[in-house]
Amino acid sequence: MCKKGYDIAGRNVFKDIGVPNAEEHLVETQCVYQPDISKMVRREFRQFSVERLLRFLVKLDQDVEIAVHPRRDRQNAATLHIS
């Protein structure tokens, strides 16, 4: 019977080789590797529709709620609040 001469790597190569802050390095690498994320990190949002940005939030396990209410204060202009 032949014994394996290698180890199976985990999902984070930085952790496997003992790099400090391995999770941060993995996230940074994934951001650079994926053009859409890289553009968002550089705050280049023009190519993304609002719907696409909202879908990104959902994929990041965030609830998105959009509420529309009648304007209560008729003396001031309607407002947009994002929190």
PDB file of N, CA and C in Angstrom:
ATOM      1  N   MET A   1       0.851  -1.177   0.000  1.00  0.00           N
ATOM      2  CA  MET A   1       0.000   0.000   0.000  1.00  0.00           C
ATOM      3  C   MET A   1       0.894   1.236   0.000  1.00  0.00           C
ATOM      4  N   CYS A   2       0.592   2.177  -0.868  1.00  0.00           N
ATOM      5  CA  CYS A   2       1.391   3.399  -1.024  1.00  0.00           C
ATOM      6  C   CYS A   2       0.814   4.517  -0.153  1.00  0.00           C
ATOM      7  N   LYS A   3       1.681   5.219   0.565  1.00  0.00           N
ATOM      8  CA  LYS A   3       1.244   6.321   1.415  1.00  0.00           C
ATOM      9  C   LYS A   3       1.309   7.633   0.637  1.00  0.00           C
ATOM     10  N   LYS A   4       0.318   8.517   0.843  1.00  0.00           N
ATOM     11  CA  LYS A   4       0.310   9.819   0.161  1.00  0.00           C
ATOM     12  C   LYS A   4       1.528  10.635   0.582  1.00  0.00           C
ATOM     13  N   GLY A   5       2.112  11.354  -0.384  1.00  0.00           N
ATOM     14  CA  GLY A   5       3.251  12.210  -0.090  1.00  0.00           C
ATOM     15  C   GLY A   5       2.873  13.673  -0.083  1.00  0.00           C
ATOM     16  N   TYR A   6       1.607  13.977   0.209  1.00  0.00           N
ATOM     17  CA  TYR A   6       1.140  15.359   0.204  1.00  0.00           C
ATOM     18  C   TYR A   6       0.000  15.524   1.189  1.00  0.00           C
ATOM     19  N   ASP A   7      -0.313  16.782   1.518  1.00  0.00           N
ATOM     20  CA  ASP A   7      -1.435  17.099   2.397  1.00  0.00           C
ATOM     21  C   ASP A   7      -2.522  17.777   1.578  1.00  0.00           C
ATOM     22  N   ILE A   8      -3.740  17.570   1.981  1.00  0.00           N
ATOM     23  CA  ILE A   8      -4.864  18.261   1.361  1.00  0.00           C
ATOM     24  C   ILE A   8      -4.947  19.658   1.979  1.00  0.00           C
ATOM     25  N   ALA A   9      -4.964  20.683   1.124  1.00  0.00           N
ATOM     26  CA  ALA A   9      -5.009  22.065   1.607  1.00  0.00           C
ATOM     27  C   ALA A   9      -6.422  22.445   2.022  1.00  0.00           C
ATOM     28  N   GLY A  10      -6.511  23.452   2.876  1.00  0.00           N
ATOM     29  CA  GLY A  10      -7.800  24.001   3.276  1.00  0.00           C
ATOM     30  C   GLY A  10      -8.264  25.033   2.267  1.00  0.00           C
ATOM     31  N   ARG A  11      -9.289  25.791   2.624  1.00  0.00           N
ATOM     32  CA  ARG A  11      -9.826  26.823   1.728  1.00  0.00           C
ATOM     33  C   ARG A  11      -8.989  28.081   1.720  1.00  0.00           C
ATOM     34  N   ASN A  12      -8.139  28.265   2.743  1.00  0.00           N
ATOM     35  CA  ASN A  12      -7.353  29.495   2.858  1.00  0.00           C
ATOM     36  C   ASN A  12      -5.867  29.144   2.845  1.00  0.00           C
ATOM     37  N   VAL A  13      -5.234  29.361   1.712  1.00  0.00           N
ATOM     38  CA  VAL A  13      -3.821  29.033   1.573  1.00  0.00           C
ATOM     39  C   VAL A  13      -2.969  29.848   2.549  1.00  0.00           C
ATOM     40  N   PHE A  14      -3.393  31.082   2.856  1.00  0.00           N
ATOM     41  CA  PHE A  14      -2.643  31.923   3.790  1.00  0.00           C
ATOM     42  C   PHE A  14      -2.620  31.301   5.186  1.00  0.00           C
ATOM     43  N   LYS A  15      -3.746  30.724   5.590  1.00  0.00           N
ATOM     44  CA  LYS A  15      -3.818  30.038   6.887  1.00  0.00           C
ATOM     45  C   LYS A  15      -2.970  28.767   6.859  1.00  0.00           C
ATOM     46  N   ASP A  16      -3.035  28.058   5.736  1.00  0.00           N
ATOM     47  CA  ASP A  16      -2.275  26.814   5.607  1.00  0.00           C
ATOM     48  C   ASP A  16      -0.773  27.029   5.758  1.00  0.00           C
ATOM     49  N   ILE A  17      -0.277  28.173   5.279  1.00  0.00           N
ATOM     50  CA  ILE A  17       1.169  28.417   5.360  1.00  0.00           C
ATOM     51  C   ILE A  17       1.552  29.274   6.563  1.00  0.00           C
ATOM     52  N   GLY A  18       0.556  29.594   7.420  1.00  0.00           N
ATOM     53  CA  GLY A  18       0.843  30.272   8.678  1.00  0.00           C
ATOM     54  C   GLY A  18       1.004  31.774   8.611  1.00  0.00           C
ATOM     55  N   VAL A  19       0.406  32.428   7.627  1.00  0.00           N
ATOM     56  CA  VAL A  19       0.486  33.890   7.503  1.00  0.00           C
ATOM     57  C   VAL A  19      -0.415  34.533   8.559  1.00  0.00           C
ATOM     58  N   PRO A  20       0.113  35.533   9.312  1.00  0.00           N
ATOM     59  CA  PRO A  20      -0.748  36.249  10.266  1.00  0.00           C
ATOM     60  C   PRO A  20      -1.891  36.960   9.528  1.00  0.00           C
ATOM     61  N   ASN A  21      -3.029  37.095  10.175  1.00  0.00           N
ATOM     62  CA  ASN A  21      -4.221  37.731   9.588  1.00  0.00           C
ATOM     63  C   ASN A  21      -4.619  37.046   8.274  1.00  0.00           C
ATOM     64  N   ALA A  22      -4.612  35.742   8.281  1.00  0.00           N
ATOM     65  CA  ALA A  22      -4.860  34.963   7.069  1.00  0.00           C
ATOM     66  C   ALA A  22      -6.224  35.261   6.439  1.00  0.00           C
ATOM     67  N   GLU A  23      -7.258  35.447   7.271  1.00  0.00           N
ATOM     68  CA  GLU A  23      -8.593  35.725   6.725  1.00  0.00           C
ATOM     69  C   GLU A  23      -8.618  37.041   5.961  1.00  0.00           C
ATOM     70  N   GLU A  24      -7.965  38.077   6.504  1.00  0.00           N
ATOM     71  CA  GLU A  24      -7.906  39.371   5.818  1.00  0.00           C
ATOM     72  C   GLU A  24      -7.191  39.248   4.478  1.00  0.00           C
ATOM     73  N   HIS A  25      -6.092  38.514   4.459  1.00  0.00           N
ATOM     74  CA  HIS A  25      -5.353  38.325   3.210  1.00  0.00           C
ATOM     75  C   HIS A  25      -6.202  37.593   2.171  1.00  0.00           C
ATOM     76  N   LEU A  26      -6.967  36.602   2.626  1.00  0.00           N
ATOM     77  CA  LEU A  26      -7.828  35.863   1.713  1.00  0.00           C
ATOM     78  C   LEU A  26      -8.889  36.776   1.112  1.00  0.00           C
ATOM     79  N   VAL A  27      -9.539  37.605   1.936  1.00  0.00           N
ATOM     80  CA  VAL A  27     -10.572  38.519   1.448  1.00  0.00           C
ATOM     81  C   VAL A  27      -9.981  39.503   0.453  1.00  0.00           C
ATOM     82  N   GLU A  28      -8.825  40.085   0.768  1.00  0.00           N
ATOM     83  CA  GLU A  28      -8.179  41.032  -0.147  1.00  0.00           C
ATOM     84  C   GLU A  28      -7.859  40.370  -1.480  1.00  0.00           C
ATOM     85  N   THR A  29      -7.361  39.150  -1.425  1.00  0.00           N
ATOM     86  CA  THR A  29      -7.030  38.428  -2.656  1.00  0.00           C
ATOM     87  C   THR A  29      -8.278  38.155  -3.475  1.00  0.00           C
ATOM     88  N   GLN A  30      -9.355  37.772  -2.819  1.00  0.00           N
ATOM     89  CA  GLN A  30     -10.606  37.511  -3.533  1.00  0.00           C
ATOM     90  C   GLN A  30     -11.153  38.789  -4.153  1.00  0.00           C
ATOM     91  N   CYS A  31     -10.997  39.911  -3.472  1.00  0.00           N
ATOM     92  CA  CYS A  31     -11.474  41.189  -4.005  1.00  0.00           C
ATOM     93  C   CYS A  31     -10.716  41.580  -5.268  1.00  0.00           C
ATOM     94  N   VAL A  32      -9.434  41.397  -5.264  1.00  0.00           N
ATOM     95  CA  VAL A  32      -8.623  41.739  -6.428  1.00  0.00           C
ATOM     96  C   VAL A  32      -8.913  40.775  -7.574  1.00  0.00           C
ATOM     97  N   TYR A  33      -9.160  39.524  -7.233  1.00  0.00           N
ATOM     98  CA  TYR A  33      -9.401  38.495  -8.235  1.00  0.00           C
ATOM     99  C   TYR A  33     -10.736  38.702  -8.946  1.00  0.00           C
ATOM    100  N   GLN A  34     -11.705  39.235  -8.266  1.00  0.00           N
ATOM    101  CA  GLN A  34     -13.045  39.421  -8.844  1.00  0.00           C
ATOM    102  C   GLN A  34     -13.218  40.884  -9.237  1.00  0.00           C
ATOM    103  N   PRO A  35     -13.284  41.194 -10.530  1.00  0.00           N
ATOM    104  CA  PRO A  35     -13.329  42.584 -10.997  1.00  0.00           C
ATOM    105  C   PRO A  35     -14.465  43.410 -10.396  1.00  0.00           C
ATOM    106  N   ASP A  36     -15.647  42.819 -10.229  1.00  0.00           N
ATOM    107  CA  ASP A  36     -16.766  43.590  -9.679  1.00  0.00           C
ATOM    108  C   ASP A  36     -16.469  44.044  -8.255  1.00  0.00           C
ATOM    109  N   ILE A  37     -15.959  43.149  -7.437  1.00  0.00           N
ATOM    110  CA  ILE A  37     -15.658  43.500  -6.055  1.00  0.00           C
ATOM    111  C   ILE A  37     -14.525  44.512  -6.011  1.00  0.00           C
ATOM    112  N   SER A  38     -13.540  44.320  -6.856  1.00  0.00           N
ATOM    113  CA  SER A  38     -12.410  45.235  -6.909  1.00  0.00           C
ATOM    114  C   SER A  38     -12.883  46.649  -7.235  1.00  0.00           C
ATOM    115  N   LYS A  39     -13.815  46.769  -8.172  1.00  0.00           N
ATOM    116  CA  LYS A  39     -14.346  48.088  -8.532  1.00  0.00           C
ATOM    117  C   LYS A  39     -15.123  48.707  -7.377  1.00  0.00           C
ATOM    118  N   MET A  40     -15.875  47.894  -6.644  1.00  0.00           N
ATOM    119  CA  MET A  40     -16.622  48.423  -5.501  1.00  0.00           C
ATOM    120  C   MET A  40     -15.678  48.889  -4.402  1.00  0.00           C
ATOM    121  N   VAL A  41     -14.607  48.136  -4.164  1.00  0.00           N
ATOM    122  CA  VAL A  41     -13.627  48.529  -3.154  1.00  0.00           C
ATOM    123  C   VAL A  41     -13.011  49.881  -3.515  1.00  0.00           C
ATOM    124  N   ARG A  42     -12.835  50.117  -4.821  1.00  0.00           N
ATOM    125  CA  ARG A  42     -12.276  51.399  -5.283  1.00  0.00           C
ATOM    126  C   ARG A  42     -13.365  52.468  -5.442  1.00  0.00           C
ATOM    127  N   ARG A  43     -14.582  52.147  -4.994  1.00  0.00           N
ATOM    128  CA  ARG A  43     -15.735  53.057  -5.044  1.00  0.00           C
ATOM    129  C   ARG A  43     -16.104  53.477  -6.467  1.00  0.00           C
ATOM    130  N   GLU A  44     -16.015  52.539  -7.377  1.00  0.00           N
ATOM    131  CA  GLU A  44     -16.419  52.760  -8.770  1.00  0.00           C
ATOM    132  C   GLU A  44     -17.757  52.064  -8.987  1.00  0.00           C
ATOM    133  N   PHE A  45     -18.848  52.779  -8.700  1.00  0.00           N
ATOM    134  CA  PHE A  45     -20.177  52.173  -8.713  1.00  0.00           C
ATOM    135  C   PHE A  45     -20.972  52.461  -9.981  1.00  0.00           C
ATOM    136  N   ARG A  46     -20.452  53.263 -10.881  1.00  0.00           N
ATOM    137  CA  ARG A  46     -21.253  53.702 -12.035  1.00  0.00           C
ATOM    138  C   ARG A  46     -21.771  52.566 -12.900  1.00  0.00           C
ATOM    139  N   GLN A  47     -21.031  51.482 -12.998  1.00  0.00           N
ATOM    140  CA  GLN A  47     -21.452  50.381 -13.865  1.00  0.00           C
ATOM    141  C   GLN A  47     -22.528  49.508 -13.226  1.00  0.00           C
ATOM    142  N   PHE A  48     -22.811  49.703 -11.939  1.00  0.00           N
ATOM    143  CA  PHE A  48     -23.757  48.844 -11.229  1.00  0.00           C
ATOM    144  C   PHE A  48     -25.118  49.520 -11.105  1.00  0.00           C
ATOM    145  N   SER A  49     -26.160  48.792 -11.448  1.00  0.00           N
ATOM    146  CA  SER A  49     -27.505  49.309 -11.231  1.00  0.00           C
ATOM    147  C   SER A  49     -27.828  49.209  -9.739  1.00  0.00           C
ATOM    148  N   VAL A  50     -28.814  49.949  -9.307  1.00  0.00           N
ATOM    149  CA  VAL A  50     -29.250  49.877  -7.909  1.00  0.00           C
ATOM    150  C   VAL A  50     -29.705  48.457  -7.594  1.00  0.00           C
ATOM    151  N   GLU A  51     -30.418  47.846  -8.524  1.00  0.00           N
ATOM    152  CA  GLU A  51     -30.892  46.476  -8.298  1.00  0.00           C
ATOM    153  C   GLU A  51     -29.717  45.519  -8.096  1.00  0.00           C
ATOM    154  N   ARG A  52     -28.675  45.662  -8.884  1.00  0.00           N
ATOM    155  CA  ARG A  52     -27.516  44.770  -8.745  1.00  0.00           C
ATOM    156  C   ARG A  52     -26.816  44.983  -7.404  1.00  0.00           C
ATOM    157  N   LEU A  53     -26.689  46.235  -6.981  1.00  0.00           N
ATOM    158  CA  LEU A  53     -26.074  46.511  -5.682  1.00  0.00           C
ATOM    159  C   LEU A  53     -26.902  45.915  -4.549  1.00  0.00           C
ATOM    160  N   LEU A  54     -28.229  45.995  -4.666  1.00  0.00           N
ATOM    161  CA  LEU A  54     -29.100  45.407  -3.652  1.00  0.00           C
ATOM    162  C   LEU A  54     -28.969  43.879  -3.634  1.00  0.00           C
ATOM    163  N   ARG A  55     -28.818  43.280  -4.796  1.00  0.00           N
ATOM    164  CA  ARG A  55     -28.619  41.820  -4.861  1.00  0.00           C
ATOM    165  C   ARG A  55     -27.295  41.424  -4.206  1.00  0.00           C
ATOM    166  N   PHE A  56     -26.256  42.254  -4.365  1.00  0.00           N
ATOM    167  CA  PHE A  56     -24.985  41.994  -3.681  1.00  0.00           C
ATOM    168  C   PHE A  56     -25.197  41.978  -2.172  1.00  0.00           C
ATOM    169  N   LEU A  57     -25.995  42.922  -1.667  1.00  0.00           N
ATOM    170  CA  LEU A  57     -26.258  42.971  -0.226  1.00  0.00           C
ATOM    171  C   LEU A  57     -26.962  41.707   0.250  1.00  0.00           C
ATOM    172  N   VAL A  58     -27.912  41.232  -0.526  1.00  0.00           N
ATOM    173  CA  VAL A  58     -28.626  40.009  -0.164  1.00  0.00           C
ATOM    174  C   VAL A  58     -27.665  38.823  -0.154  1.00  0.00           C
ATOM    175  N   LYS A  59     -26.779  38.762  -1.132  1.00  0.00           N
ATOM    176  CA  LYS A  59     -25.795  37.670  -1.161  1.00  0.00           C
ATOM    177  C   LYS A  59     -24.831  37.749   0.024  1.00  0.00           C
ATOM    178  N   LEU A  60     -24.663  38.943   0.576  1.00  0.00           N
ATOM    179  CA  LEU A  60     -23.825  39.120   1.764  1.00  0.00           C
ATOM    180  C   LEU A  60     -24.634  38.913   3.039  1.00  0.00           C
ATOM    181  N   ASP A  61     -25.812  38.273   2.908  1.00  0.00           N
ATOM    182  CA  ASP A  61     -26.681  37.914   4.033  1.00  0.00           C
ATOM    183  C   ASP A  61     -27.240  39.136   4.753  1.00  0.00           C
ATOM    184  N   GLN A  62     -27.581  40.154   3.975  1.00  0.00           N
ATOM    185  CA  GLN A  62     -28.183  41.367   4.522  1.00  0.00           C
ATOM    186  C   GLN A  62     -29.637  41.439   4.068  1.00  0.00           C
ATOM    187  N   ASP A  63     -30.529  41.826   4.972  1.00  0.00           N
ATOM    188  CA  ASP A  63     -31.907  42.103   4.587  1.00  0.00           C
ATOM    189  C   ASP A  63     -31.964  43.496   3.993  1.00  0.00           C
ATOM    190  N   VAL A  64     -32.712  43.644   2.917  1.00  0.00           N
ATOM    191  CA  VAL A  64     -32.880  44.943   2.277  1.00  0.00           C
ATOM    192  C   VAL A  64     -34.353  45.288   2.337  1.00  0.00           C
ATOM    193  N   GLU A  65     -34.655  46.458   2.856  1.00  0.00           N
ATOM    194  CA  GLU A  65     -36.043  46.895   2.980  1.00  0.00           C
ATOM    195  C   GLU A  65     -36.176  48.274   2.354  1.00  0.00           C
ATOM    196  N   ILE A  66     -37.123  48.417   1.465  1.00  0.00           N
ATOM    197  CA  ILE A  66     -37.401  49.704   0.840  1.00  0.00           C
ATOM    198  C   ILE A  66     -38.829  50.075   1.219  1.00  0.00           C
ATOM    199  N   ALA A  67     -38.981  51.227   1.842  1.00  0.00           N
ATOM    200  CA  ALA A  67     -40.312  51.676   2.272  1.00  0.00           C
ATOM    201  C   ALA A  67     -40.612  53.035   1.653  1.00  0.00           C
ATOM    202  N   VAL A  68     -41.834  53.191   1.170  1.00  0.00           N
ATOM    203  CA  VAL A  68     -42.285  54.453   0.594  1.00  0.00           C
ATOM    204  C   VAL A  68     -43.457  54.941   1.436  1.00  0.00           C
ATOM    205  N   HIS A  69     -43.358  56.204   1.895  1.00  0.00           N
ATOM    206  CA  HIS A  69     -44.397  56.785   2.734  1.00  0.00           C
ATOM    207  C   HIS A  69     -44.836  58.117   2.138  1.00  0.00           C
ATOM    208  N   PRO A  70     -46.090  58.485   2.352  1.00  0.00           N
ATOM    209  CA  PRO A  70     -46.515  59.820   1.920  1.00  0.00           C
ATOM    210  C   PRO A  70     -45.723  60.875   2.697  1.00  0.00           C
ATOM    211  N   ARG A  71     -45.434  61.963   2.040  1.00  0.00           N
ATOM    212  CA  ARG A  71     -44.700  63.049   2.683  1.00  0.00           C
ATOM    213  C   ARG A  71     -45.604  63.695   3.721  1.00  0.00           C
ATOM    214  N   ARG A  72     -45.132  63.770   4.951  1.00  0.00           N
ATOM    215  CA  ARG A  72     -45.950  64.315   6.040  1.00  0.00           C
ATOM    216  C   ARG A  72     -45.807  65.829   6.157  1.00  0.00           C
ATOM    217  N   ASP A  73     -44.604  66.313   5.886  1.00  0.00           N
ATOM    218  CA  ASP A  73     -44.334  67.748   6.023  1.00  0.00           C
ATOM    219  C   ASP A  73     -44.461  68.401   4.648  1.00  0.00           C
ATOM    220  N   ARG A  74     -45.592  69.008   4.383  1.00  0.00           N
ATOM    221  CA  ARG A  74     -45.863  69.589   3.058  1.00  0.00           C
ATOM    222  C   ARG A  74     -45.068  70.862   2.787  1.00  0.00           C
ATOM    223  N   GLN A  75     -44.442  71.435   3.820  1.00  0.00           N
ATOM    224  CA  GLN A  75     -43.677  72.676   3.636  1.00  0.00           C
ATOM    225  C   GLN A  75     -42.263  72.411   3.142  1.00  0.00           C
ATOM    226  N   ASN A  76     -41.746  71.206   3.346  1.00  0.00           N
ATOM    227  CA  ASN A  76     -40.391  70.869   2.907  1.00  0.00           C
ATOM    228  C   ASN A  76     -40.453  69.824   1.794  1.00  0.00           C
ATOM    229  N   ALA A  77     -39.390  69.765   1.033  1.00  0.00           N
ATOM    230  CA  ALA A  77     -39.327  68.803  -0.066  1.00  0.00           C
ATOM    231  C   ALA A  77     -39.242  67.378   0.471  1.00  0.00           C
ATOM    232  N   ALA A  78     -39.687  66.433  -0.340  1.00  0.00           N
ATOM    233  CA  ALA A  78     -39.585  65.030   0.017  1.00  0.00           C
ATOM    234  C   ALA A  78     -38.093  64.663   0.162  1.00  0.00           C
ATOM    235  N   THR A  79     -37.810  63.649   0.961  1.00  0.00           N
ATOM    236  CA  THR A  79     -36.421  63.293   1.230  1.00  0.00           C
ATOM    237  C   THR A  79     -36.168  61.815   0.946  1.00  0.00           C
ATOM    238  N   LEU A  80     -34.888  61.505   0.823  1.00  0.00           N
ATOM    239  CA  LEU A  80     -34.444  60.136   0.656  1.00  0.00           C
ATOM    240  C   LEU A  80     -33.519  59.812   1.818  1.00  0.00           C
ATOM    241  N   HIS A  81     -33.844  58.763   2.569  1.00  0.00           N
ATOM    242  CA  HIS A  81     -33.018  58.346   3.719  1.00  0.00           C
ATOM    243  C   HIS A  81     -32.475  56.951   3.451  1.00  0.00           C
ATOM    244  N   ILE A  82     -31.170  56.798   3.603  1.00  0.00           N
ATOM    245  CA  ILE A  82     -30.533  55.483   3.475  1.00  0.00           C
ATOM    246  C   ILE A  82     -29.794  55.236   4.775  1.00  0.00           C
ATOM    247  N   SER A  83     -30.107  54.108   5.417  1.00  0.00           N
ATOM    248  CA  SER A  83     -29.414  53.811   6.678  1.00  0.00           C
ATOM    249  C   SER A  83     -28.774  52.457   6.625  1.00  0.00           C
TER     250      SER A  83
END
